[in-house]
Amino acid sequence: MGTYDVIVVGAGTAGCYASYLIGRGGLKVALLERKGFNDIGYKVCGDAIGKHHFDNLGLSYPSGEELDCVFSGVKIYSPNEEHSIIVPGEGFGVNRKAFGRRLLNMALDVGVDLFPSFHVSKPLVEGGFVVGVEGIDREGHTIQLKSNVVIDASGFSSIVRSRLPFDWWINEQIKGEDTNICYREIVETKVEFDTK
């Protein structure tokens, strides 16, 4: 069993950045991720992010392999594709894995302990408080980690929150009508597109 100041469940954008900020402040942080080490950073998403997010967080802009394109707005089409509007706003198209790896490396560089291939099975609750998590590590061992604070950054699965006692207000389940099913397909073409 390990003891930390903070446990962060999920090494996505929020989890890595939170771990980085907390670790930079000198606290002992465990970052738990169900994906294997080499898959951390890859996530199916739209790959676009507004410039203002980097400005607000004090993050340097994407560059090198992390930067796919720069844009000055987004074109939104009507369902029949006969009409469109342009919503202005500067932003970047990012290589999602490279961007995620940058955030992960920032966390690791400030001393965050990473547990890849770690599957959280439940929060540890004592006296009405979350005091850690239990999960299975990459060798198949059941491990308990204790902390003063647990951050559930596991995304839609809400692996910690969804396993809290039913009478806790934060345990409310997301209703089906409040979710969407998304589909993504990446198609490479021989046609060049102007992304400015």
N, C-alpha and C. Protein backbone atom coordinates (compact mmCIF):
# COMPACT_ATOMS: atom_id res chain seq x y z
N MET A 1 0.86 -1.19 0.00
CA MET A 1 0.00 0.00 0.00
C MET A 1 0.89 1.24 0.00
N GLY A 2 0.57 2.19 -0.87
CA GLY A 2 1.30 3.44 -0.94
C GLY A 2 0.46 4.57 -0.39
N THR A 3 1.12 5.62 0.08
CA THR A 3 0.42 6.77 0.62
C THR A 3 0.88 8.02 -0.13
N TYR A 4 -0.10 8.82 -0.54
CA TYR A 4 0.16 10.03 -1.32
C TYR A 4 -0.63 11.20 -0.74
N ASP A 5 -0.22 12.41 -1.09
CA ASP A 5 -1.02 13.58 -0.75
C ASP A 5 -2.27 13.60 -1.62
N VAL A 6 -2.10 13.29 -2.91
CA VAL A 6 -3.20 13.34 -3.87
C VAL A 6 -3.09 12.15 -4.82
N ILE A 7 -4.24 11.52 -5.08
CA ILE A 7 -4.34 10.50 -6.13
C ILE A 7 -5.20 11.08 -7.23
N VAL A 8 -4.72 11.00 -8.47
CA VAL A 8 -5.48 11.44 -9.63
C VAL A 8 -5.78 10.20 -10.47
N VAL A 9 -7.06 9.93 -10.70
CA VAL A 9 -7.46 8.78 -11.50
C VAL A 9 -7.76 9.27 -12.92
N GLY A 10 -6.94 8.86 -13.87
CA GLY A 10 -7.13 9.25 -15.27
C GLY A 10 -6.02 10.16 -15.74
N ALA A 11 -5.26 9.70 -16.75
CA ALA A 11 -4.14 10.48 -17.28
C ALA A 11 -4.50 11.11 -18.62
N GLY A 12 -5.71 11.64 -18.71
CA GLY A 12 -6.10 12.43 -19.87
C GLY A 12 -5.64 13.86 -19.68
N THR A 13 -6.21 14.76 -20.42
CA THR A 13 -5.82 16.17 -20.35
C THR A 13 -5.96 16.73 -18.94
N ALA A 14 -7.14 16.56 -18.34
CA ALA A 14 -7.39 17.11 -17.00
C ALA A 14 -6.52 16.44 -15.95
N GLY A 15 -6.42 15.12 -16.01
CA GLY A 15 -5.64 14.39 -15.01
C GLY A 15 -4.17 14.71 -15.05
N CYS A 16 -3.59 14.76 -16.24
CA CYS A 16 -2.17 15.08 -16.37
C CYS A 16 -1.89 16.51 -15.93
N TYR A 17 -2.75 17.45 -16.36
CA TYR A 17 -2.49 18.84 -16.01
C TYR A 17 -2.69 19.08 -14.52
N ALA A 18 -3.72 18.48 -13.92
CA ALA A 18 -3.92 18.61 -12.47
C ALA A 18 -2.73 18.01 -11.73
N SER A 19 -2.26 16.84 -12.17
CA SER A 19 -1.11 16.20 -11.53
C SER A 19 0.13 17.09 -11.62
N TYR A 20 0.32 17.69 -12.79
CA TYR A 20 1.45 18.59 -12.98
C TYR A 20 1.38 19.77 -12.00
N LEU A 21 0.23 20.43 -11.94
CA LEU A 21 0.11 21.59 -11.06
C LEU A 21 0.32 21.22 -9.60
N ILE A 22 -0.26 20.11 -9.18
CA ILE A 22 -0.14 19.69 -7.78
C ILE A 22 1.28 19.25 -7.47
N GLY A 23 1.87 18.47 -8.38
CA GLY A 23 3.25 18.03 -8.19
C GLY A 23 4.23 19.18 -8.18
N ARG A 24 3.98 20.16 -9.04
CA ARG A 24 4.83 21.36 -9.09
C ARG A 24 4.80 22.10 -7.76
N GLY A 25 3.68 21.97 -7.06
CA GLY A 25 3.55 22.61 -5.76
C GLY A 25 4.23 21.84 -4.64
N GLY A 26 4.85 20.72 -4.96
CA GLY A 26 5.63 19.99 -3.97
C GLY A 26 4.90 18.84 -3.28
N LEU A 27 3.67 18.56 -3.69
CA LEU A 27 2.94 17.46 -3.07
C LEU A 27 3.25 16.14 -3.78
N LYS A 28 3.09 15.05 -3.04
CA LYS A 28 3.33 13.71 -3.57
C LYS A 28 2.06 13.24 -4.28
N VAL A 29 2.16 12.98 -5.60
CA VAL A 29 1.00 12.68 -6.44
C VAL A 29 1.15 11.32 -7.10
N ALA A 30 0.07 10.53 -7.06
CA ALA A 30 -0.02 9.28 -7.83
C ALA A 30 -1.01 9.52 -8.96
N LEU A 31 -0.58 9.25 -10.18
CA LEU A 31 -1.43 9.38 -11.37
C LEU A 31 -1.73 7.98 -11.88
N LEU A 32 -2.99 7.57 -11.82
CA LEU A 32 -3.40 6.22 -12.19
C LEU A 32 -4.09 6.24 -13.55
N GLU A 33 -3.69 5.33 -14.43
CA GLU A 33 -4.26 5.29 -15.78
C GLU A 33 -4.47 3.85 -16.22
N ARG A 34 -5.65 3.58 -16.76
CA ARG A 34 -5.97 2.21 -17.20
C ARG A 34 -5.24 1.82 -18.47
N LYS A 35 -4.87 2.79 -19.29
CA LYS A 35 -4.13 2.49 -20.53
C LYS A 35 -2.68 2.14 -20.20
N GLY A 36 -2.07 1.37 -21.10
CA GLY A 36 -0.65 1.10 -20.98
C GLY A 36 0.16 2.35 -21.24
N PHE A 37 1.40 2.36 -20.80
CA PHE A 37 2.23 3.56 -20.90
C PHE A 37 2.28 4.13 -22.32
N ASN A 38 2.48 3.29 -23.31
CA ASN A 38 2.63 3.78 -24.68
C ASN A 38 1.34 4.32 -25.28
N ASP A 39 0.20 3.99 -24.70
CA ASP A 39 -1.09 4.47 -25.22
C ASP A 39 -1.59 5.74 -24.53
N ILE A 40 -0.91 6.15 -23.47
CA ILE A 40 -1.34 7.36 -22.76
C ILE A 40 -1.15 8.55 -23.70
N GLY A 41 -2.17 9.37 -23.79
CA GLY A 41 -2.14 10.54 -24.67
C GLY A 41 -3.06 10.37 -25.85
N TYR A 42 -3.26 9.12 -26.29
CA TYR A 42 -4.17 8.90 -27.41
C TYR A 42 -5.60 8.92 -26.92
N LYS A 43 -6.42 9.69 -27.59
CA LYS A 43 -7.83 9.77 -27.23
C LYS A 43 -8.59 10.18 -28.48
N VAL A 44 -9.72 9.56 -28.68
CA VAL A 44 -10.56 9.95 -29.80
C VAL A 44 -11.24 11.26 -29.43
N CYS A 45 -10.96 12.29 -30.20
CA CYS A 45 -11.60 13.59 -29.96
C CYS A 45 -11.54 14.37 -31.27
N GLY A 46 -11.98 15.60 -31.24
CA GLY A 46 -11.98 16.41 -32.45
C GLY A 46 -10.65 17.01 -32.80
N ASP A 47 -9.69 16.93 -31.88
CA ASP A 47 -8.31 17.39 -32.09
C ASP A 47 -8.17 18.90 -32.23
N ALA A 48 -9.23 19.66 -32.03
CA ALA A 48 -9.16 21.12 -32.14
C ALA A 48 -9.30 21.74 -30.75
N ILE A 49 -8.54 22.79 -30.52
CA ILE A 49 -8.60 23.46 -29.23
C ILE A 49 -8.34 24.95 -29.45
N GLY A 50 -9.11 25.77 -28.76
CA GLY A 50 -8.97 27.22 -28.88
C GLY A 50 -7.67 27.73 -28.28
N LYS A 51 -7.09 28.73 -28.93
CA LYS A 51 -5.85 29.35 -28.47
C LYS A 51 -5.99 29.89 -27.06
N HIS A 52 -7.19 30.39 -26.73
CA HIS A 52 -7.40 31.00 -25.42
C HIS A 52 -7.19 30.02 -24.27
N HIS A 53 -7.38 28.73 -24.51
CA HIS A 53 -7.16 27.75 -23.44
C HIS A 53 -5.68 27.72 -23.05
N PHE A 54 -4.80 27.78 -24.03
CA PHE A 54 -3.37 27.81 -23.75
C PHE A 54 -3.00 29.10 -23.03
N ASP A 55 -3.58 30.22 -23.48
CA ASP A 55 -3.31 31.51 -22.85
C ASP A 55 -3.78 31.50 -21.39
N ASN A 56 -4.98 30.99 -21.15
CA ASN A 56 -5.53 30.98 -19.79
C ASN A 56 -4.73 30.10 -18.84
N LEU A 57 -4.18 29.01 -19.35
CA LEU A 57 -3.44 28.07 -18.50
C LEU A 57 -1.94 28.36 -18.45
N GLY A 58 -1.48 29.29 -19.29
CA GLY A 58 -0.05 29.57 -19.32
C GLY A 58 0.75 28.47 -19.99
N LEU A 59 0.11 27.70 -20.85
CA LEU A 59 0.80 26.62 -21.59
C LEU A 59 1.34 27.18 -22.91
N SER A 60 2.51 26.71 -23.29
CA SER A 60 3.04 27.11 -24.59
C SER A 60 2.18 26.50 -25.69
N TYR A 61 2.12 27.18 -26.82
CA TYR A 61 1.31 26.71 -27.94
C TYR A 61 1.90 25.42 -28.52
N PRO A 62 1.06 24.62 -29.14
CA PRO A 62 1.56 23.41 -29.78
C PRO A 62 2.56 23.77 -30.89
N SER A 63 3.56 22.92 -31.05
CA SER A 63 4.54 23.11 -32.12
C SER A 63 5.09 21.74 -32.51
N GLY A 64 5.89 21.73 -33.56
CA GLY A 64 6.50 20.48 -33.99
C GLY A 64 5.45 19.43 -34.33
N GLU A 65 5.70 18.18 -33.93
CA GLU A 65 4.78 17.09 -34.26
C GLU A 65 3.42 17.24 -33.57
N GLU A 66 3.38 18.06 -32.54
CA GLU A 66 2.13 18.26 -31.80
C GLU A 66 1.13 19.11 -32.58
N LEU A 67 1.62 19.97 -33.46
CA LEU A 67 0.77 20.91 -34.19
C LEU A 67 0.42 20.37 -35.57
N ASP A 68 -0.87 20.17 -35.81
CA ASP A 68 -1.33 19.74 -37.13
C ASP A 68 -1.70 20.94 -38.00
N CYS A 69 -2.33 21.95 -37.41
CA CYS A 69 -2.71 23.14 -38.17
C CYS A 69 -3.08 24.27 -37.22
N VAL A 70 -3.17 25.47 -37.79
CA VAL A 70 -3.62 26.65 -37.06
C VAL A 70 -4.87 27.12 -37.78
N PHE A 71 -5.89 27.53 -37.03
CA PHE A 71 -7.11 28.01 -37.69
C PHE A 71 -7.59 29.31 -37.06
N SER A 72 -8.42 30.03 -37.83
CA SER A 72 -8.93 31.32 -37.37
C SER A 72 -10.43 31.31 -37.17
N GLY A 73 -11.03 30.14 -37.30
CA GLY A 73 -12.46 30.02 -37.10
C GLY A 73 -12.92 28.61 -37.43
N VAL A 74 -14.18 28.37 -37.17
CA VAL A 74 -14.77 27.06 -37.43
C VAL A 74 -16.00 27.25 -38.30
N LYS A 75 -16.10 26.46 -39.35
CA LYS A 75 -17.27 26.53 -40.22
C LYS A 75 -18.26 25.47 -39.76
N ILE A 76 -19.48 25.91 -39.48
CA ILE A 76 -20.54 25.02 -39.03
C ILE A 76 -21.58 24.91 -40.13
N TYR A 77 -21.91 23.68 -40.49
CA TYR A 77 -22.86 23.42 -41.57
C TYR A 77 -24.22 23.02 -41.02
N SER A 78 -25.25 23.39 -41.76
CA SER A 78 -26.61 22.93 -41.45
C SER A 78 -26.68 21.43 -41.74
N PRO A 79 -27.66 20.73 -41.15
CA PRO A 79 -27.76 19.29 -41.38
C PRO A 79 -27.80 18.89 -42.86
N ASN A 80 -28.42 19.72 -43.70
CA ASN A 80 -28.47 19.37 -45.13
C ASN A 80 -27.24 19.87 -45.90
N GLU A 81 -26.32 20.50 -45.20
CA GLU A 81 -25.05 21.00 -45.74
C GLU A 81 -25.21 22.08 -46.80
N GLU A 82 -26.40 22.69 -46.90
CA GLU A 82 -26.63 23.75 -47.88
C GLU A 82 -26.26 25.12 -47.33
N HIS A 83 -26.18 25.25 -46.03
CA HIS A 83 -25.88 26.54 -45.40
C HIS A 83 -24.76 26.35 -44.39
N SER A 84 -24.00 27.42 -44.20
CA SER A 84 -22.93 27.36 -43.21
C SER A 84 -22.68 28.74 -42.64
N ILE A 85 -22.11 28.77 -41.46
CA ILE A 85 -21.66 30.02 -40.85
C ILE A 85 -20.24 29.78 -40.34
N ILE A 86 -19.50 30.85 -40.26
CA ILE A 86 -18.15 30.76 -39.71
C ILE A 86 -18.16 31.42 -38.34
N VAL A 87 -17.72 30.68 -37.35
CA VAL A 87 -17.56 31.21 -36.00
C VAL A 87 -16.09 31.55 -35.84
N PRO A 88 -15.77 32.85 -35.72
CA PRO A 88 -14.35 33.23 -35.63
C PRO A 88 -13.75 32.82 -34.29
N GLY A 89 -12.48 32.56 -34.31
CA GLY A 89 -11.74 32.22 -33.10
C GLY A 89 -10.46 31.49 -33.45
N GLU A 90 -9.35 31.96 -32.88
CA GLU A 90 -8.06 31.34 -33.17
C GLU A 90 -7.93 30.03 -32.42
N GLY A 91 -7.28 29.08 -33.06
CA GLY A 91 -7.07 27.80 -32.40
C GLY A 91 -6.09 26.93 -33.15
N PHE A 92 -5.97 25.72 -32.65
CA PHE A 92 -5.01 24.77 -33.19
C PHE A 92 -5.67 23.43 -33.42
N GLY A 93 -5.23 22.77 -34.46
CA GLY A 93 -5.52 21.35 -34.64
C GLY A 93 -4.29 20.63 -34.11
N VAL A 94 -4.48 19.75 -33.13
CA VAL A 94 -3.34 19.11 -32.50
C VAL A 94 -3.30 17.62 -32.80
N ASN A 95 -2.10 17.09 -32.80
CA ASN A 95 -1.91 15.65 -32.78
C ASN A 95 -2.22 15.25 -31.35
N ARG A 96 -3.35 14.61 -31.14
CA ARG A 96 -3.86 14.37 -29.80
C ARG A 96 -2.90 13.57 -28.93
N LYS A 97 -2.26 12.57 -29.52
CA LYS A 97 -1.33 11.77 -28.73
C LYS A 97 -0.11 12.59 -28.32
N ALA A 98 0.45 13.35 -29.25
CA ALA A 98 1.62 14.16 -28.93
C ALA A 98 1.29 15.21 -27.87
N PHE A 99 0.11 15.82 -27.96
CA PHE A 99 -0.31 16.80 -26.96
C PHE A 99 -0.48 16.13 -25.60
N GLY A 100 -1.13 14.98 -25.58
CA GLY A 100 -1.30 14.24 -24.33
C GLY A 100 0.02 13.83 -23.72
N ARG A 101 0.97 13.44 -24.56
CA ARG A 101 2.29 13.04 -24.06
C ARG A 101 3.03 14.23 -23.47
N ARG A 102 2.85 15.41 -24.06
CA ARG A 102 3.49 16.60 -23.48
C ARG A 102 2.97 16.83 -22.07
N LEU A 103 1.64 16.75 -21.90
CA LEU A 103 1.08 16.96 -20.57
C LEU A 103 1.54 15.88 -19.59
N LEU A 104 1.60 14.64 -20.05
CA LEU A 104 2.09 13.55 -19.19
C LEU A 104 3.53 13.81 -18.78
N ASN A 105 4.38 14.17 -19.74
CA ASN A 105 5.79 14.42 -19.42
C ASN A 105 5.96 15.60 -18.48
N MET A 106 5.11 16.61 -18.59
CA MET A 106 5.16 17.72 -17.65
C MET A 106 4.93 17.21 -16.23
N ALA A 107 3.94 16.32 -16.07
CA ALA A 107 3.64 15.76 -14.75
C ALA A 107 4.81 14.90 -14.25
N LEU A 108 5.33 14.06 -15.10
CA LEU A 108 6.44 13.19 -14.70
C LEU A 108 7.68 14.00 -14.34
N ASP A 109 7.90 15.10 -15.05
CA ASP A 109 9.08 15.94 -14.80
C ASP A 109 9.06 16.62 -13.43
N VAL A 110 7.88 16.76 -12.82
CA VAL A 110 7.81 17.36 -11.49
C VAL A 110 7.68 16.30 -10.40
N GLY A 111 7.91 15.03 -10.76
CA GLY A 111 7.96 13.98 -9.76
C GLY A 111 6.69 13.19 -9.51
N VAL A 112 5.68 13.35 -10.36
CA VAL A 112 4.45 12.59 -10.21
C VAL A 112 4.75 11.11 -10.46
N ASP A 113 4.20 10.22 -9.62
CA ASP A 113 4.35 8.78 -9.80
C ASP A 113 3.22 8.28 -10.69
N LEU A 114 3.58 7.69 -11.82
CA LEU A 114 2.61 7.18 -12.78
C LEU A 114 2.41 5.68 -12.57
N PHE A 115 1.13 5.27 -12.56
CA PHE A 115 0.76 3.86 -12.49
C PHE A 115 0.00 3.52 -13.78
N PRO A 116 0.71 3.15 -14.86
CA PRO A 116 0.00 2.79 -16.09
C PRO A 116 -0.62 1.40 -15.96
N SER A 117 -1.58 1.10 -16.80
CA SER A 117 -2.27 -0.20 -16.79
C SER A 117 -2.82 -0.52 -15.40
N PHE A 118 -3.29 0.51 -14.72
CA PHE A 118 -3.86 0.35 -13.37
C PHE A 118 -5.37 0.51 -13.49
N HIS A 119 -6.09 -0.51 -13.10
CA HIS A 119 -7.55 -0.49 -13.21
C HIS A 119 -8.16 -0.27 -11.82
N VAL A 120 -8.68 0.93 -11.59
CA VAL A 120 -9.31 1.25 -10.31
C VAL A 120 -10.61 0.46 -10.20
N SER A 121 -10.76 -0.24 -9.09
CA SER A 121 -11.98 -1.03 -8.89
C SER A 121 -12.96 -0.36 -7.94
N LYS A 122 -12.43 0.43 -6.98
CA LYS A 122 -13.35 1.11 -6.06
C LYS A 122 -12.61 2.17 -5.25
N PRO A 123 -13.36 3.16 -4.78
CA PRO A 123 -12.78 4.11 -3.84
C PRO A 123 -12.72 3.47 -2.45
N LEU A 124 -11.77 3.89 -1.66
CA LEU A 124 -11.71 3.47 -0.26
C LEU A 124 -12.39 4.55 0.57
N VAL A 125 -13.42 4.16 1.30
CA VAL A 125 -14.20 5.11 2.09
C VAL A 125 -14.09 4.73 3.56
N GLU A 126 -13.71 5.71 4.38
CA GLU A 126 -13.62 5.52 5.83
C GLU A 126 -14.24 6.72 6.53
N GLY A 127 -15.14 6.47 7.44
CA GLY A 127 -15.75 7.55 8.21
C GLY A 127 -16.44 8.60 7.36
N GLY A 128 -16.99 8.20 6.23
CA GLY A 128 -17.69 9.13 5.37
C GLY A 128 -16.80 9.94 4.44
N PHE A 129 -15.53 9.56 4.34
CA PHE A 129 -14.59 10.27 3.49
C PHE A 129 -13.88 9.30 2.54
N VAL A 130 -13.58 9.77 1.34
CA VAL A 130 -12.75 9.00 0.42
C VAL A 130 -11.31 9.17 0.87
N VAL A 131 -10.65 8.05 1.14
CA VAL A 131 -9.28 8.09 1.65
C VAL A 131 -8.28 7.40 0.72
N GLY A 132 -8.75 7.03 -0.47
CA GLY A 132 -7.86 6.38 -1.42
C GLY A 132 -8.65 5.55 -2.41
N VAL A 133 -7.94 4.67 -3.10
CA VAL A 133 -8.57 3.79 -4.08
C VAL A 133 -7.95 2.40 -4.00
N GLU A 134 -8.71 1.44 -4.50
CA GLU A 134 -8.20 0.08 -4.66
C GLU A 134 -8.28 -0.27 -6.13
N GLY A 135 -7.27 -0.97 -6.62
CA GLY A 135 -7.29 -1.35 -8.02
C GLY A 135 -6.33 -2.48 -8.30
N ILE A 136 -6.28 -2.85 -9.56
CA ILE A 136 -5.42 -3.95 -9.99
C ILE A 136 -4.31 -3.37 -10.86
N ASP A 137 -3.06 -3.67 -10.48
CA ASP A 137 -1.93 -3.13 -11.23
C ASP A 137 -1.64 -3.99 -12.46
N ARG A 138 -0.63 -3.60 -13.22
CA ARG A 138 -0.34 -4.28 -14.49
C ARG A 138 0.13 -5.72 -14.32
N GLU A 139 0.55 -6.09 -13.11
CA GLU A 139 0.93 -7.49 -12.85
C GLU A 139 -0.24 -8.32 -12.34
N GLY A 140 -1.40 -7.68 -12.18
CA GLY A 140 -2.58 -8.40 -11.71
C GLY A 140 -2.75 -8.43 -10.21
N HIS A 141 -1.95 -7.65 -9.49
CA HIS A 141 -2.04 -7.59 -8.03
C HIS A 141 -3.06 -6.54 -7.60
N THR A 142 -3.82 -6.86 -6.56
CA THR A 142 -4.73 -5.88 -5.98
C THR A 142 -3.92 -4.96 -5.07
N ILE A 143 -4.03 -3.67 -5.32
CA ILE A 143 -3.24 -2.66 -4.61
C ILE A 143 -4.19 -1.63 -4.00
N GLN A 144 -3.89 -1.21 -2.79
CA GLN A 144 -4.60 -0.08 -2.18
C GLN A 144 -3.64 1.09 -2.07
N LEU A 145 -4.10 2.25 -2.50
CA LEU A 145 -3.34 3.48 -2.39
C LEU A 145 -4.16 4.45 -1.55
N LYS A 146 -3.52 5.07 -0.57
CA LYS A 146 -4.21 6.01 0.32
C LYS A 146 -3.76 7.43 0.01
N SER A 147 -4.66 8.39 0.29
CA SER A 147 -4.32 9.79 0.07
C SER A 147 -5.27 10.69 0.85
N ASN A 148 -4.89 11.96 0.92
CA ASN A 148 -5.75 12.96 1.55
C ASN A 148 -6.83 13.44 0.58
N VAL A 149 -6.51 13.40 -0.72
CA VAL A 149 -7.44 13.88 -1.75
C VAL A 149 -7.41 12.89 -2.91
N VAL A 150 -8.60 12.59 -3.46
CA VAL A 150 -8.70 11.78 -4.67
C VAL A 150 -9.43 12.61 -5.72
N ILE A 151 -8.83 12.75 -6.89
CA ILE A 151 -9.44 13.47 -8.01
C ILE A 151 -9.86 12.44 -9.05
N ASP A 152 -11.14 12.44 -9.39
CA ASP A 152 -11.64 11.55 -10.43
C ASP A 152 -11.59 12.30 -11.76
N ALA A 153 -10.55 12.04 -12.53
CA ALA A 153 -10.39 12.63 -13.86
C ALA A 153 -10.50 11.53 -14.91
N SER A 154 -11.36 10.55 -14.62
CA SER A 154 -11.48 9.38 -15.50
C SER A 154 -12.45 9.61 -16.65
N GLY A 155 -12.94 10.83 -16.79
CA GLY A 155 -13.81 11.14 -17.92
C GLY A 155 -15.21 10.59 -17.75
N PHE A 156 -15.81 10.22 -18.86
CA PHE A 156 -17.21 9.78 -18.87
C PHE A 156 -17.46 8.61 -17.94
N SER A 157 -16.49 7.72 -17.82
CA SER A 157 -16.70 6.53 -16.98
C SER A 157 -16.82 6.87 -15.50
N SER A 158 -16.27 8.00 -15.08
CA SER A 158 -16.35 8.43 -13.68
C SER A 158 -16.14 7.26 -12.73
N ILE A 159 -15.04 6.58 -12.89
CA ILE A 159 -14.80 5.32 -12.21
C ILE A 159 -14.84 5.43 -10.68
N VAL A 160 -14.41 6.54 -10.13
CA VAL A 160 -14.46 6.71 -8.67
C VAL A 160 -15.84 7.20 -8.26
N ARG A 161 -16.30 8.29 -8.88
CA ARG A 161 -17.59 8.87 -8.51
C ARG A 161 -18.73 7.88 -8.62
N SER A 162 -18.72 7.08 -9.67
CA SER A 162 -19.84 6.16 -9.89
C SER A 162 -19.86 4.99 -8.91
N ARG A 163 -18.81 4.84 -8.12
CA ARG A 163 -18.76 3.74 -7.15
C ARG A 163 -18.81 4.24 -5.70
N LEU A 164 -19.18 5.49 -5.53
CA LEU A 164 -19.34 6.03 -4.18
C LEU A 164 -20.65 5.52 -3.58
N PRO A 165 -20.80 5.63 -2.26
CA PRO A 165 -22.06 5.20 -1.64
C PRO A 165 -23.26 5.90 -2.29
N PHE A 166 -24.35 5.15 -2.45
CA PHE A 166 -25.52 5.65 -3.17
C PHE A 166 -26.16 6.88 -2.51
N ASP A 167 -25.98 7.05 -1.22
CA ASP A 167 -26.62 8.19 -0.55
C ASP A 167 -25.77 9.47 -0.63
N TRP A 168 -24.63 9.42 -1.28
CA TRP A 168 -23.83 10.62 -1.46
C TRP A 168 -24.36 11.40 -2.66
N TRP A 169 -24.54 12.70 -2.52
CA TRP A 169 -25.10 13.52 -3.59
C TRP A 169 -24.26 13.47 -4.86
N ILE A 170 -22.98 13.30 -4.73
CA ILE A 170 -22.09 13.33 -5.89
C ILE A 170 -22.18 12.05 -6.72
N ASN A 171 -22.86 11.05 -6.20
CA ASN A 171 -22.96 9.76 -6.88
C ASN A 171 -24.05 9.73 -7.93
N GLU A 172 -24.75 10.82 -8.14
CA GLU A 172 -25.85 10.83 -9.11
C GLU A 172 -25.37 10.33 -10.48
N GLN A 173 -26.10 9.40 -11.04
CA GLN A 173 -25.75 8.82 -12.33
C GLN A 173 -26.20 9.74 -13.47
N ILE A 174 -25.44 9.75 -14.54
CA ILE A 174 -25.80 10.55 -15.71
C ILE A 174 -26.94 9.86 -16.44
N LYS A 175 -27.97 10.62 -16.72
CA LYS A 175 -29.13 10.06 -17.42
C LYS A 175 -28.80 9.85 -18.89
N GLY A 176 -29.40 8.82 -19.47
CA GLY A 176 -29.16 8.50 -20.86
C GLY A 176 -29.44 9.65 -21.80
N GLU A 177 -30.49 10.43 -21.51
CA GLU A 177 -30.83 11.55 -22.39
C GLU A 177 -29.83 12.71 -22.29
N ASP A 178 -28.94 12.65 -21.30
CA ASP A 178 -27.92 13.68 -21.15
C ASP A 178 -26.58 13.26 -21.76
N THR A 179 -26.58 12.17 -22.50
CA THR A 179 -25.36 11.70 -23.15
C THR A 179 -25.56 11.65 -24.66
N ASN A 180 -24.48 11.61 -25.36
CA ASN A 180 -24.51 11.51 -26.82
C ASN A 180 -23.59 10.39 -27.26
N ILE A 181 -23.95 9.77 -28.34
CA ILE A 181 -23.07 8.78 -28.96
C ILE A 181 -22.33 9.50 -30.07
N CYS A 182 -21.02 9.36 -30.08
CA CYS A 182 -20.21 10.03 -31.09
C CYS A 182 -19.54 9.01 -31.99
N TYR A 183 -19.25 9.45 -33.18
CA TYR A 183 -18.57 8.61 -34.16
C TYR A 183 -17.47 9.44 -34.79
N ARG A 184 -16.34 8.82 -35.00
CA ARG A 184 -15.24 9.53 -35.64
C ARG A 184 -14.58 8.60 -36.64
N GLU A 185 -14.28 9.17 -37.79
CA GLU A 185 -13.55 8.43 -38.81
C GLU A 185 -12.51 9.37 -39.40
N ILE A 186 -11.30 8.90 -39.48
CA ILE A 186 -10.24 9.70 -40.09
C ILE A 186 -9.97 9.14 -41.47
N VAL A 187 -10.09 10.00 -42.46
CA VAL A 187 -9.89 9.59 -43.85
C VAL A 187 -8.76 10.44 -44.42
N GLU A 188 -7.74 9.79 -44.92
CA GLU A 188 -6.65 10.50 -45.57
C GLU A 188 -6.98 10.65 -47.05
N THR A 189 -6.80 11.87 -47.54
CA THR A 189 -7.07 12.14 -48.95
C THR A 189 -5.83 12.69 -49.62
N LYS A 190 -5.85 12.73 -50.93
CA LYS A 190 -4.75 13.32 -51.69
C LYS A 190 -4.99 14.80 -51.93
N VAL A 191 -6.13 15.30 -51.48
CA VAL A 191 -6.50 16.69 -51.67
C VAL A 191 -5.99 17.51 -50.49
N GLU A 192 -5.34 18.62 -50.78
CA GLU A 192 -4.87 19.53 -49.74
C GLU A 192 -5.98 20.52 -49.40
N PHE A 193 -6.16 20.81 -48.11
CA PHE A 193 -7.17 21.76 -47.67
C PHE A 193 -6.50 22.97 -47.06
N ASP A 194 -7.04 24.14 -47.31
CA ASP A 194 -6.55 25.36 -46.71
C ASP A 194 -7.11 25.43 -45.30
N THR A 195 -6.25 25.42 -44.29
CA THR A 195 -6.71 25.43 -42.90
C THR A 195 -6.61 26.80 -42.26
N LYS A 196 -6.39 27.84 -43.07
CA LYS A 196 -6.27 29.19 -42.50
C LYS A 196 -7.56 29.94 -42.61
